[in-house]
Amino acid sequence: MRESFALIINANSRKVRRRPQLIEELRTLFGDRGPFFVTNSPDELPTVLTAIQKQQKNTILICGGDGTLRQTLSTLISIYEEEPFPRIGILKGGTMNVVAGGLGIWRSPIRQLKHILKRADQKQPLHYKKRRLLRVNHDHGFIFAVGGFSNFVQAYRDHPDPTPLRGISLVLKTVFSAIKNGSLSRKLFPSFSVTLVLDEEEVEMNVTNISVASIVNNGFTSKPYYGASAENNTLGLLIFRTPPKHVLADLPTMFLGYPVQSPNIVQQPRTHLSFTLQKPLLPMLDGDILPLETTFDIQTGPLFRILTH
């Protein structure tokens, strides 16, 4: 298959904002291999992806973070409809880049683009891994949460300059707070009431976190979403039924990717999940905080081939 590329850069991604010359460096390196787009808003994506679709490019390179990737793929799904999706290359330009990290992509945007183009120019195969999105109501993404994990992301994003180091710092502060049942832990993981439909049976419970992912990773090299698998068409479900203090002992096992046997944690692979909150909360999808909602229907979504090395 002859390689044909398009490149999309989110001008508002963290690395581009901190280093604006990155756009021209990528443009120079990419050359005339295909269309090159710089977007300033997700509203521009339908026009951009329609142009790429008409030119029948088989690989789309995306420079941005997890939110950029989510918004681009969600728009791509609606544009391509029944047509085969192009392969996706991630040039990690965001803050956390959880999806890229989970795929083993650690190179800078410039180094990753050089690597991809060199292999293509030398007619070497471009390696990829299959990853499936999840669908949350009418949105698509890789990692969803409401409650504790969503509150954590909000607290992290509230910092004027969120960085991976500050993210790790907030994780440690939350863990130490949980040990003492401190105010930070209680603020991020308050209990809330939910009615879940599990295996066609309604279950009412009080929880402090509900999260679902189509990938096992959750950033910081942790793998809490046991059972999430593109091949098996399953999502990883993770529910905390108690404050973090009572799940701390299980964190090492959970973060290493192994199943946890605990009455305080629900951790199991699923293909479909729906639930209703007693009161509306702000959900998180791939680091983006979405509007208040009470009812969620989550199921496995489309499959993508994402370049790795």
C-alpha atoms as a PDB file:
ATOM      1  CA  MET A   1       0.000   0.000   0.000  1.00  0.00           C
ATOM      2  CA  ARG A   2       1.353   3.396  -1.027  1.00  0.00           C
ATOM      3  CA  GLU A   3       1.590   5.729   1.939  1.00  0.00           C
ATOM      4  CA  SER A   4      -0.331   9.000   1.716  1.00  0.00           C
ATOM      5  CA  PHE A   5      -0.454  11.445   4.584  1.00  0.00           C
ATOM      6  CA  ALA A   6      -2.356  14.400   5.974  1.00  0.00           C
ATOM      7  CA  LEU A   7      -1.265  16.307   9.074  1.00  0.00           C
ATOM      8  CA  ILE A   8      -3.497  18.200  11.520  1.00  0.00           C
ATOM      9  CA  ILE A   9      -2.067  20.427  14.261  1.00  0.00           C
ATOM     10  CA  ASN A  10      -4.099  21.828  17.130  1.00  0.00           C
ATOM     11  CA  ALA A  11      -2.708  25.366  17.548  1.00  0.00           C
ATOM     12  CA  ASN A  12      -4.059  25.437  21.119  1.00  0.00           C
ATOM     13  CA  SER A  13      -2.345  22.276  22.329  1.00  0.00           C
ATOM     14  CA  ARG A  14       0.051  22.804  25.202  1.00  0.00           C
ATOM     15  CA  LYS A  15       3.319  22.130  23.372  1.00  0.00           C
ATOM     16  CA  VAL A  16       2.372  24.385  20.472  1.00  0.00           C
ATOM     17  CA  ARG A  17       1.335  27.225  22.788  1.00  0.00           C
ATOM     18  CA  ARG A  18       4.595  26.940  24.696  1.00  0.00           C
ATOM     19  CA  ARG A  19       6.650  26.655  21.504  1.00  0.00           C
ATOM     20  CA  PRO A  20       4.802  28.221  18.534  1.00  0.00           C
ATOM     21  CA  GLN A  21       7.714  27.572  16.149  1.00  0.00           C
ATOM     22  CA  LEU A  22       6.836  23.878  16.373  1.00  0.00           C
ATOM     23  CA  ILE A  23       4.190  24.464  13.689  1.00  0.00           C
ATOM     24  CA  GLU A  24       6.728  25.651  11.098  1.00  0.00           C
ATOM     25  CA  GLU A  25       9.221  22.963  12.091  1.00  0.00           C
ATOM     26  CA  LEU A  26       6.589  20.296  11.465  1.00  0.00           C
ATOM     27  CA  ARG A  27       5.512  21.995   8.228  1.00  0.00           C
ATOM     28  CA  THR A  28       9.105  22.037   6.924  1.00  0.00           C
ATOM     29  CA  LEU A  29       9.693  18.410   7.893  1.00  0.00           C
ATOM     30  CA  PHE A  30       6.374  17.259   6.412  1.00  0.00           C
ATOM     31  CA  GLY A  31       7.039  19.085   3.145  1.00  0.00           C
ATOM     32  CA  ASP A  32       4.703  18.420   0.239  1.00  0.00           C
ATOM     33  CA  ARG A  33       3.706  14.907   1.293  1.00  0.00           C
ATOM     34  CA  GLY A  34       0.065  15.932   1.706  1.00  0.00           C
ATOM     35  CA  PRO A  35      -2.359  18.501   3.099  1.00  0.00           C
ATOM     36  CA  PHE A  36      -1.205  20.329   6.224  1.00  0.00           C
ATOM     37  CA  PHE A  37      -3.814  21.901   8.510  1.00  0.00           C
ATOM     38  CA  VAL A  38      -3.511  24.107  11.595  1.00  0.00           C
ATOM     39  CA  THR A  39      -6.789  24.306  13.514  1.00  0.00           C
ATOM     40  CA  ASN A  40      -7.786  26.811  16.177  1.00  0.00           C
ATOM     41  CA  SER A  41     -11.132  25.261  17.087  1.00  0.00           C
ATOM     42  CA  PRO A  42     -12.857  21.859  16.934  1.00  0.00           C
ATOM     43  CA  ASP A  43     -15.455  23.587  14.749  1.00  0.00           C
ATOM     44  CA  GLU A  44     -12.899  23.526  11.911  1.00  0.00           C
ATOM     45  CA  LEU A  45     -12.510  19.740  11.994  1.00  0.00           C
ATOM     46  CA  PRO A  46     -15.493  18.799   9.767  1.00  0.00           C
ATOM     47  CA  THR A  47     -14.142  20.918   6.910  1.00  0.00           C
ATOM     48  CA  VAL A  48     -10.595  19.643   7.412  1.00  0.00           C
ATOM     49  CA  LEU A  49     -11.560  15.975   7.573  1.00  0.00           C
ATOM     50  CA  THR A  50     -13.904  16.262   4.607  1.00  0.00           C
ATOM     51  CA  ALA A  51     -10.984  17.609   2.551  1.00  0.00           C
ATOM     52  CA  ILE A  52      -8.767  14.731   3.699  1.00  0.00           C
ATOM     53  CA  GLN A  53     -11.488  12.220   2.894  1.00  0.00           C
ATOM     54  CA  LYS A  54     -11.878  13.582  -0.647  1.00  0.00           C
ATOM     55  CA  GLN A  55      -8.127  13.244  -1.211  1.00  0.00           C
ATOM     56  CA  GLN A  56      -8.302   9.634   0.068  1.00  0.00           C
ATOM     57  CA  LYS A  57      -5.317   9.899   2.395  1.00  0.00           C
ATOM     58  CA  ASN A  58      -4.718   6.617   4.187  1.00  0.00           C
ATOM     59  CA  THR A  59      -2.888   8.036   7.220  1.00  0.00           C
ATOM     60  CA  ILE A  60      -3.813  11.090   9.291  1.00  0.00           C
ATOM     61  CA  LEU A  61      -1.166  12.472  11.643  1.00  0.00           C
ATOM     62  CA  ILE A  62      -2.585  14.412  14.601  1.00  0.00           C
ATOM     63  CA  CYS A  63      -0.482  16.782  16.720  1.00  0.00           C
ATOM     64  CA  GLY A  64      -2.190  17.493  20.032  1.00  0.00           C
ATOM     65  CA  GLY A  65      -3.184  15.893  23.297  1.00  0.00           C
ATOM     66  CA  ASP A  66      -5.845  13.395  24.338  1.00  0.00           C
ATOM     67  CA  GLY A  67      -8.628  15.947  23.885  1.00  0.00           C
ATOM     68  CA  THR A  68      -7.449  16.781  20.365  1.00  0.00           C
ATOM     69  CA  LEU A  69      -7.300  13.094  19.476  1.00  0.00           C
ATOM     70  CA  ARG A  70     -10.784  12.476  20.872  1.00  0.00           C
ATOM     71  CA  GLN A  71     -12.363  15.417  19.069  1.00  0.00           C
ATOM     72  CA  THR A  72     -10.657  14.561  15.777  1.00  0.00           C
ATOM     73  CA  LEU A  73     -11.627  10.890  15.860  1.00  0.00           C
ATOM     74  CA  SER A  74     -15.197  11.708  16.920  1.00  0.00           C
ATOM     75  CA  THR A  75     -15.548  14.063  13.952  1.00  0.00           C
ATOM     76  CA  LEU A  76     -13.865  11.557  11.641  1.00  0.00           C
ATOM     77  CA  ILE A  77     -16.446   8.911  12.589  1.00  0.00           C
ATOM     78  CA  SER A  78     -19.298  11.180  11.539  1.00  0.00           C
ATOM     79  CA  ILE A  79     -17.560  12.228   8.292  1.00  0.00           C
ATOM     80  CA  TYR A  80     -16.412   8.805   7.077  1.00  0.00           C
ATOM     81  CA  GLU A  81     -19.562   6.949   8.190  1.00  0.00           C
ATOM     82  CA  GLU A  82     -19.333   3.532   6.486  1.00  0.00           C
ATOM     83  CA  GLU A  83     -16.023   4.166   4.703  1.00  0.00           C
ATOM     84  CA  PRO A  84     -12.856   2.512   6.071  1.00  0.00           C
ATOM     85  CA  PHE A  85     -11.072   4.743   8.549  1.00  0.00           C
ATOM     86  CA  PRO A  86      -7.525   5.914   7.763  1.00  0.00           C
ATOM     87  CA  ARG A  87      -4.716   4.956  10.100  1.00  0.00           C
ATOM     88  CA  ILE A  88      -3.927   7.470  12.823  1.00  0.00           C
ATOM     89  CA  GLY A  89      -0.505   8.756  13.843  1.00  0.00           C
ATOM     90  CA  ILE A  90      -0.151  10.605  17.155  1.00  0.00           C
ATOM     91  CA  LEU A  91       2.361  13.440  17.491  1.00  0.00           C
ATOM     92  CA  LYS A  92       2.006  14.030  21.198  1.00  0.00           C
ATOM     93  CA  GLY A  93       1.505  17.736  21.714  1.00  0.00           C
ATOM     94  CA  GLY A  94      -0.716  17.736  24.798  1.00  0.00           C
ATOM     95  CA  THR A  95      -0.093  17.762  28.527  1.00  0.00           C
ATOM     96  CA  MET A  96      -0.572  14.154  29.611  1.00  0.00           C
ATOM     97  CA  ASN A  97      -0.836  12.246  26.294  1.00  0.00           C
ATOM     98  CA  VAL A  98      -2.314   9.208  28.029  1.00  0.00           C
ATOM     99  CA  VAL A  99      -3.334   7.381  24.841  1.00  0.00           C
ATOM    100  CA  ALA A 100       0.084   7.889  23.240  1.00  0.00           C
ATOM    101  CA  GLY A 101       1.873   6.747  26.392  1.00  0.00           C
ATOM    102  CA  GLY A 102      -0.258   3.623  26.569  1.00  0.00           C
ATOM    103  CA  LEU A 103       0.825   2.774  23.031  1.00  0.00           C
ATOM    104  CA  GLY A 104       4.495   3.223  23.882  1.00  0.00           C
ATOM    105  CA  ILE A 105       4.839   6.511  21.987  1.00  0.00           C
ATOM    106  CA  TRP A 106       7.340   8.606  23.940  1.00  0.00           C
ATOM    107  CA  ARG A 107       9.096  10.535  21.175  1.00  0.00           C
ATOM    108  CA  SER A 108       8.603  14.278  20.756  1.00  0.00           C
ATOM    109  CA  PRO A 109       6.344  15.372  17.857  1.00  0.00           C
ATOM    110  CA  ILE A 110       9.369  16.163  15.649  1.00  0.00           C
ATOM    111  CA  ARG A 111      11.142  12.879  16.384  1.00  0.00           C
ATOM    112  CA  GLN A 112       7.982  10.826  15.896  1.00  0.00           C
ATOM    113  CA  LEU A 113       7.214  12.517  12.579  1.00  0.00           C
ATOM    114  CA  LYS A 114      10.800  11.964  11.398  1.00  0.00           C
ATOM    115  CA  HIS A 115      10.541   8.306  12.357  1.00  0.00           C
ATOM    116  CA  ILE A 116       7.242   7.774  10.516  1.00  0.00           C
ATOM    117  CA  LEU A 117       8.337   9.613   7.376  1.00  0.00           C
ATOM    118  CA  LYS A 118      11.714   7.869   7.254  1.00  0.00           C
ATOM    119  CA  ARG A 119      10.080   4.445   7.346  1.00  0.00           C
ATOM    120  CA  ALA A 120       7.586   5.495   4.683  1.00  0.00           C
ATOM    121  CA  ASP A 121      10.317   6.939   2.435  1.00  0.00           C
ATOM    122  CA  GLN A 122      12.324   3.736   2.776  1.00  0.00           C
ATOM    123  CA  LYS A 123       9.183   1.709   2.026  1.00  0.00           C
ATOM    124  CA  GLN A 124       9.387  -0.006   5.401  1.00  0.00           C
ATOM    125  CA  PRO A 125       6.113  -1.083   7.025  1.00  0.00           C
ATOM    126  CA  LEU A 126       4.480   1.301   9.474  1.00  0.00           C
ATOM    127  CA  HIS A 127       3.598  -0.632  12.616  1.00  0.00           C
ATOM    128  CA  TYR A 128       0.320   0.000  14.369  1.00  0.00           C
ATOM    129  CA  LYS A 129      -1.851  -1.246  17.212  1.00  0.00           C
ATOM    130  CA  LYS A 130      -5.594  -1.557  17.153  1.00  0.00           C
ATOM    131  CA  ARG A 131      -7.456   0.505  19.717  1.00  0.00           C
ATOM    132  CA  ARG A 132     -11.184   0.834  20.145  1.00  0.00           C
ATOM    133  CA  LEU A 133     -13.078   3.930  21.244  1.00  0.00           C
ATOM    134  CA  LEU A 134     -15.943   3.853  23.694  1.00  0.00           C
ATOM    135  CA  ARG A 135     -19.199   5.651  23.034  1.00  0.00           C
ATOM    136  CA  VAL A 136     -20.699   7.715  25.856  1.00  0.00           C
ATOM    137  CA  ASN A 137     -24.213   8.821  24.904  1.00  0.00           C
ATOM    138  CA  HIS A 138     -23.383  10.707  21.680  1.00  0.00           C
ATOM    139  CA  ASP A 139     -19.670  11.310  22.376  1.00  0.00           C
ATOM    140  CA  HIS A 140     -16.646   9.119  21.692  1.00  0.00           C
ATOM    141  CA  GLY A 141     -13.388   8.779  23.601  1.00  0.00           C
ATOM    142  CA  PHE A 142     -11.009   6.381  25.323  1.00  0.00           C
ATOM    143  CA  ILE A 143     -11.416   7.102  29.061  1.00  0.00           C
ATOM    144  CA  PHE A 144     -14.611   8.222  30.811  1.00  0.00           C
ATOM    145  CA  ALA A 145     -15.161   9.057  34.464  1.00  0.00           C
ATOM    146  CA  VAL A 146     -17.690  10.635  36.761  1.00  0.00           C
ATOM    147  CA  GLY A 147     -17.019  11.288  40.440  1.00  0.00           C
ATOM    148  CA  GLY A 148     -13.513  10.912  41.867  1.00  0.00           C
ATOM    149  CA  PHE A 149     -11.417  10.623  38.707  1.00  0.00           C
ATOM    150  CA  SER A 150     -13.365  13.429  37.028  1.00  0.00           C
ATOM    151  CA  ASN A 151     -12.920  15.659  40.076  1.00  0.00           C
ATOM    152  CA  PHE A 152      -9.195  14.888  40.067  1.00  0.00           C
ATOM    153  CA  VAL A 153      -8.881  15.959  36.416  1.00  0.00           C
ATOM    154  CA  GLN A 154     -10.810  19.161  37.148  1.00  0.00           C
ATOM    155  CA  ALA A 155      -8.483  19.987  40.058  1.00  0.00           C
ATOM    156  CA  TYR A 156      -5.474  19.269  37.859  1.00  0.00           C
ATOM    157  CA  ARG A 157      -6.753  21.416  34.991  1.00  0.00           C
ATOM    158  CA  ASP A 158      -7.586  24.292  37.349  1.00  0.00           C
ATOM    159  CA  HIS A 159      -3.853  24.936  37.759  1.00  0.00           C
ATOM    160  CA  PRO A 160      -2.733  27.779  35.445  1.00  0.00           C
ATOM    161  CA  ASP A 161       0.049  25.594  34.029  1.00  0.00           C
ATOM    162  CA  PRO A 162      -0.800  21.884  34.394  1.00  0.00           C
ATOM    163  CA  THR A 163       2.213  19.684  33.730  1.00  0.00           C
ATOM    164  CA  PRO A 164       2.845  15.928  34.146  1.00  0.00           C
ATOM    165  CA  LEU A 165       4.955  16.709  37.215  1.00  0.00           C
ATOM    166  CA  ARG A 166       2.073  18.599  38.808  1.00  0.00           C
ATOM    167  CA  GLY A 167      -0.199  15.700  37.940  1.00  0.00           C
ATOM    168  CA  ILE A 168       2.091  13.272  39.770  1.00  0.00           C
ATOM    169  CA  SER A 169       2.267  15.709  42.689  1.00  0.00           C
ATOM    170  CA  LEU A 170      -1.533  15.838  42.895  1.00  0.00           C
ATOM    171  CA  VAL A 171      -1.709  12.034  42.823  1.00  0.00           C
ATOM    172  CA  LEU A 172       0.711  11.806  45.756  1.00  0.00           C
ATOM    173  CA  LYS A 173      -1.124  14.513  47.703  1.00  0.00           C
ATOM    174  CA  THR A 174      -4.405  12.683  47.141  1.00  0.00           C
ATOM    175  CA  VAL A 175      -2.915   9.365  48.316  1.00  0.00           C
ATOM    176  CA  PHE A 176      -1.440  10.909  51.469  1.00  0.00           C
ATOM    177  CA  SER A 177      -4.714  12.699  52.115  1.00  0.00           C
ATOM    178  CA  ALA A 178      -6.595   9.410  51.716  1.00  0.00           C
ATOM    179  CA  ILE A 179      -4.359   7.733  54.299  1.00  0.00           C
ATOM    180  CA  LYS A 180      -5.418  10.387  56.828  1.00  0.00           C
ATOM    181  CA  ASN A 181      -8.950  10.712  55.431  1.00  0.00           C
ATOM    182  CA  GLY A 182      -7.995  14.344  54.849  1.00  0.00           C
ATOM    183  CA  SER A 183      -9.940  17.193  53.270  1.00  0.00           C
ATOM    184  CA  LEU A 184      -8.435  16.831  49.752  1.00  0.00           C
ATOM    185  CA  SER A 185      -9.403  13.169  49.529  1.00  0.00           C
ATOM    186  CA  ARG A 186     -12.901  13.869  50.817  1.00  0.00           C
ATOM    187  CA  LYS A 187     -13.308  16.782  48.389  1.00  0.00           C
ATOM    188  CA  LEU A 188     -12.234  14.801  45.316  1.00  0.00           C
ATOM    189  CA  PHE A 189     -14.049  11.559  46.185  1.00  0.00           C
ATOM    190  CA  PRO A 190     -17.405  12.405  47.791  1.00  0.00           C
ATOM    191  CA  SER A 191     -20.035   9.688  47.863  1.00  0.00           C
ATOM    192  CA  PHE A 192     -22.909   9.882  45.382  1.00  0.00           C
ATOM    193  CA  SER A 193     -25.928   7.713  44.583  1.00  0.00           C
ATOM    194  CA  VAL A 194     -26.289   5.848  41.310  1.00  0.00           C
ATOM    195  CA  THR A 195     -28.544   3.268  39.713  1.00  0.00           C
ATOM    196  CA  LEU A 196     -26.551   0.960  37.440  1.00  0.00           C
ATOM    197  CA  VAL A 197     -27.722  -1.635  34.964  1.00  0.00           C
ATOM    198  CA  LEU A 198     -25.292  -4.541  35.247  1.00  0.00           C
ATOM    199  CA  ASP A 199     -26.052  -7.713  33.282  1.00  0.00           C
ATOM    200  CA  GLU A 200     -29.625  -6.495  32.742  1.00  0.00           C
ATOM    201  CA  GLU A 201     -30.127  -6.118  36.491  1.00  0.00           C
ATOM    202  CA  GLU A 202     -30.649  -2.741  38.174  1.00  0.00           C
ATOM    203  CA  VAL A 203     -28.364  -2.137  41.138  1.00  0.00           C
ATOM    204  CA  GLU A 204     -28.544   0.892  43.408  1.00  0.00           C
ATOM    205  CA  MET A 205     -25.403   1.842  45.300  1.00  0.00           C
ATOM    206  CA  ASN A 206     -23.420   4.696  46.759  1.00  0.00           C
ATOM    207  CA  VAL A 207     -20.031   5.130  45.098  1.00  0.00           C
ATOM    208  CA  THR A 208     -17.132   7.605  44.960  1.00  0.00           C
ATOM    209  CA  ASN A 209     -15.989   6.929  41.384  1.00  0.00           C
ATOM    210  CA  ILE A 210     -17.264   5.369  38.185  1.00  0.00           C
ATOM    211  CA  SER A 211     -14.901   5.129  35.257  1.00  0.00           C
ATOM    212  CA  VAL A 212     -14.915   3.156  32.028  1.00  0.00           C
ATOM    213  CA  ALA A 213     -12.158   2.869  29.419  1.00  0.00           C
ATOM    214  CA  SER A 214     -11.453   1.151  26.134  1.00  0.00           C
ATOM    215  CA  ILE A 215      -7.724   1.096  26.968  1.00  0.00           C
ATOM    216  CA  VAL A 216      -6.091  -0.364  30.067  1.00  0.00           C
ATOM    217  CA  ASN A 217      -3.934   2.693  30.789  1.00  0.00           C
ATOM    218  CA  ASN A 218      -4.905   5.706  32.857  1.00  0.00           C
ATOM    219  CA  GLY A 219      -1.696   7.760  32.738  1.00  0.00           C
ATOM    220  CA  PHE A 220       1.422   7.635  34.949  1.00  0.00           C
ATOM    221  CA  THR A 221       2.046   4.103  33.521  1.00  0.00           C
ATOM    222  CA  SER A 222      -0.883   2.711  35.579  1.00  0.00           C
ATOM    223  CA  LYS A 223      -3.210   0.079  34.093  1.00  0.00           C
ATOM    224  CA  PRO A 224      -6.384   0.074  36.190  1.00  0.00           C
ATOM    225  CA  TYR A 225      -8.855  -0.851  33.446  1.00  0.00           C
ATOM    226  CA  TYR A 226      -8.531  -4.597  33.620  1.00  0.00           C
ATOM    227  CA  GLY A 227     -10.091  -6.394  30.664  1.00  0.00           C
ATOM    228  CA  ALA A 228     -10.232  -3.471  28.241  1.00  0.00           C
ATOM    229  CA  SER A 229      -9.386  -5.048  24.892  1.00  0.00           C
ATOM    230  CA  ALA A 230      -9.790  -4.032  21.269  1.00  0.00           C
ATOM    231  CA  GLU A 231      -9.545  -7.678  20.181  1.00  0.00           C
ATOM    232  CA  ASN A 232     -12.227  -8.859  22.621  1.00  0.00           C
ATOM    233  CA  ASN A 233     -14.405  -5.785  22.041  1.00  0.00           C
ATOM    234  CA  THR A 234     -14.552  -5.122  25.797  1.00  0.00           C
ATOM    235  CA  LEU A 235     -14.304  -2.076  28.038  1.00  0.00           C
ATOM    236  CA  GLY A 236     -12.708  -1.891  31.461  1.00  0.00           C
ATOM    237  CA  LEU A 237     -15.082  -0.867  34.263  1.00  0.00           C
ATOM    238  CA  LEU A 238     -13.759   0.568  37.533  1.00  0.00           C
ATOM    239  CA  ILE A 239     -16.011   1.573  40.429  1.00  0.00           C
ATOM    240  CA  PHE A 240     -14.953   2.643  43.919  1.00  0.00           C
ATOM    241  CA  ARG A 241     -17.693   1.926  46.426  1.00  0.00           C
ATOM    242  CA  THR A 242     -15.901   3.573  49.344  1.00  0.00           C
ATOM    243  CA  PRO A 243     -13.604   6.545  50.045  1.00  0.00           C
ATOM    244  CA  PRO A 244     -10.041   6.134  48.694  1.00  0.00           C
ATOM    245  CA  LYS A 245      -8.722   5.220  52.142  1.00  0.00           C
ATOM    246  CA  HIS A 246     -10.324   1.784  51.811  1.00  0.00           C
ATOM    247  CA  VAL A 247      -8.933   1.032  48.343  1.00  0.00           C
ATOM    248  CA  LEU A 248      -5.313   2.089  48.915  1.00  0.00           C
ATOM    249  CA  ALA A 249      -4.165  -1.468  49.642  1.00  0.00           C
ATOM    250  CA  ASP A 250      -5.461  -2.575  46.244  1.00  0.00           C
ATOM    251  CA  LEU A 251      -3.881   0.242  44.210  1.00  0.00           C
ATOM    252  CA  PRO A 252      -0.572  -1.543  43.414  1.00  0.00           C
ATOM    253  CA  THR A 253      -2.389  -4.625  42.075  1.00  0.00           C
ATOM    254  CA  MET A 254      -4.917  -2.547  40.166  1.00  0.00           C
ATOM    255  CA  PHE A 255      -2.376  -0.155  38.665  1.00  0.00           C
ATOM    256  CA  LEU A 256      -0.208  -3.059  37.466  1.00  0.00           C
ATOM    257  CA  GLY A 257      -3.123  -4.313  35.400  1.00  0.00           C
ATOM    258  CA  TYR A 258      -4.256  -7.275  37.491  1.00  0.00           C
ATOM    259  CA  PRO A 259      -7.827  -7.923  38.673  1.00  0.00           C
ATOM    260  CA  VAL A 260      -8.657  -6.944  42.230  1.00  0.00           C
ATOM    261  CA  GLN A 261     -10.757  -9.076  44.527  1.00  0.00           C
ATOM    262  CA  SER A 262     -12.298  -6.568  46.904  1.00  0.00           C
ATOM    263  CA  PRO A 263     -15.859  -5.711  47.992  1.00  0.00           C
ATOM    264  CA  ASN A 264     -14.835  -2.045  47.792  1.00  0.00           C
ATOM    265  CA  ILE A 265     -13.993  -2.157  44.073  1.00  0.00           C
ATOM    266  CA  VAL A 266     -15.940  -3.251  41.012  1.00  0.00           C
ATOM    267  CA  GLN A 267     -13.412  -3.983  38.274  1.00  0.00           C
ATOM    268  CA  GLN A 268     -14.540  -6.072  35.334  1.00  0.00           C
ATOM    269  CA  PRO A 269     -14.610  -6.101  31.523  1.00  0.00           C
ATOM    270  CA  ARG A 270     -17.901  -5.193  29.862  1.00  0.00           C
ATOM    271  CA  THR A 271     -19.340  -4.401  26.442  1.00  0.00           C
ATOM    272  CA  HIS A 272     -22.174  -2.199  27.688  1.00  0.00           C
ATOM    273  CA  LEU A 273     -23.053  -0.207  30.797  1.00  0.00           C
ATOM    274  CA  SER A 274     -25.774   2.288  31.633  1.00  0.00           C
ATOM    275  CA  PHE A 275     -26.432   4.222  34.804  1.00  0.00           C
ATOM    276  CA  THR A 276     -28.385   7.135  36.222  1.00  0.00           C
ATOM    277  CA  LEU A 277     -27.156   9.546  38.873  1.00  0.00           C
ATOM    278  CA  GLN A 278     -29.425  10.859  41.585  1.00  0.00           C
ATOM    279  CA  LYS A 279     -27.930  14.322  41.024  1.00  0.00           C
ATOM    280  CA  PRO A 280     -26.139  15.604  37.890  1.00  0.00           C
ATOM    281  CA  LEU A 281     -22.333  15.606  37.925  1.00  0.00           C
ATOM    282  CA  LEU A 282     -19.611  16.793  35.538  1.00  0.00           C
ATOM    283  CA  PRO A 283     -18.246  13.836  33.549  1.00  0.00           C
ATOM    284  CA  MET A 284     -14.719  13.619  32.160  1.00  0.00           C
ATOM    285  CA  LEU A 285     -13.856  12.210  28.742  1.00  0.00           C
ATOM    286  CA  ASP A 286     -10.167  12.009  27.775  1.00  0.00           C
ATOM    287  CA  GLY A 287      -9.263  14.945  30.007  1.00  0.00           C
ATOM    288  CA  ASP A 288     -12.119  17.151  28.781  1.00  0.00           C
ATOM    289  CA  ILE A 289     -14.814  18.113  31.287  1.00  0.00           C
ATOM    290  CA  LEU A 290     -18.250  17.762  29.696  1.00  0.00           C
ATOM    291  CA  PRO A 291     -21.551  19.439  30.709  1.00  0.00           C
ATOM    292  CA  LEU A 292     -23.569  18.271  33.710  1.00  0.00           C
ATOM    293  CA  GLU A 293     -25.438  15.033  33.058  1.00  0.00           C
ATOM    294  CA  THR A 294     -27.432  12.431  34.985  1.00  0.00           C
ATOM    295  CA  THR A 295     -27.910   9.543  32.529  1.00  0.00           C
ATOM    296  CA  PHE A 296     -25.144   7.693  30.706  1.00  0.00           C
ATOM    297  CA  ASP A 297     -25.162   4.880  28.187  1.00  0.00           C
ATOM    298  CA  ILE A 298     -21.697   3.493  27.456  1.00  0.00           C
ATOM    299  CA  GLN A 299     -20.719   0.841  24.943  1.00  0.00           C
ATOM    300  CA  THR A 300     -17.824  -0.180  22.743  1.00  0.00           C
ATOM    301  CA  GLY A 301     -17.187   2.041  19.742  1.00  0.00           C
ATOM    302  CA  PRO A 302     -15.299   1.940  16.423  1.00  0.00           C
ATOM    303  CA  LEU A 303     -11.880   0.379  15.954  1.00  0.00           C
ATOM    304  CA  PHE A 304      -8.851   2.426  14.827  1.00  0.00           C
ATOM    305  CA  ARG A 305      -5.321   1.493  13.756  1.00  0.00           C
ATOM    306  CA  ILE A 306      -2.862   3.800  15.529  1.00  0.00           C
ATOM    307  CA  LEU A 307       0.779   3.978  14.433  1.00  0.00           C
ATOM    308  CA  THR A 308       3.317   3.104  17.097  1.00  0.00           C
ATOM    309  CA  HIS A 309       6.842   2.679  15.642  1.00  0.00           C
END
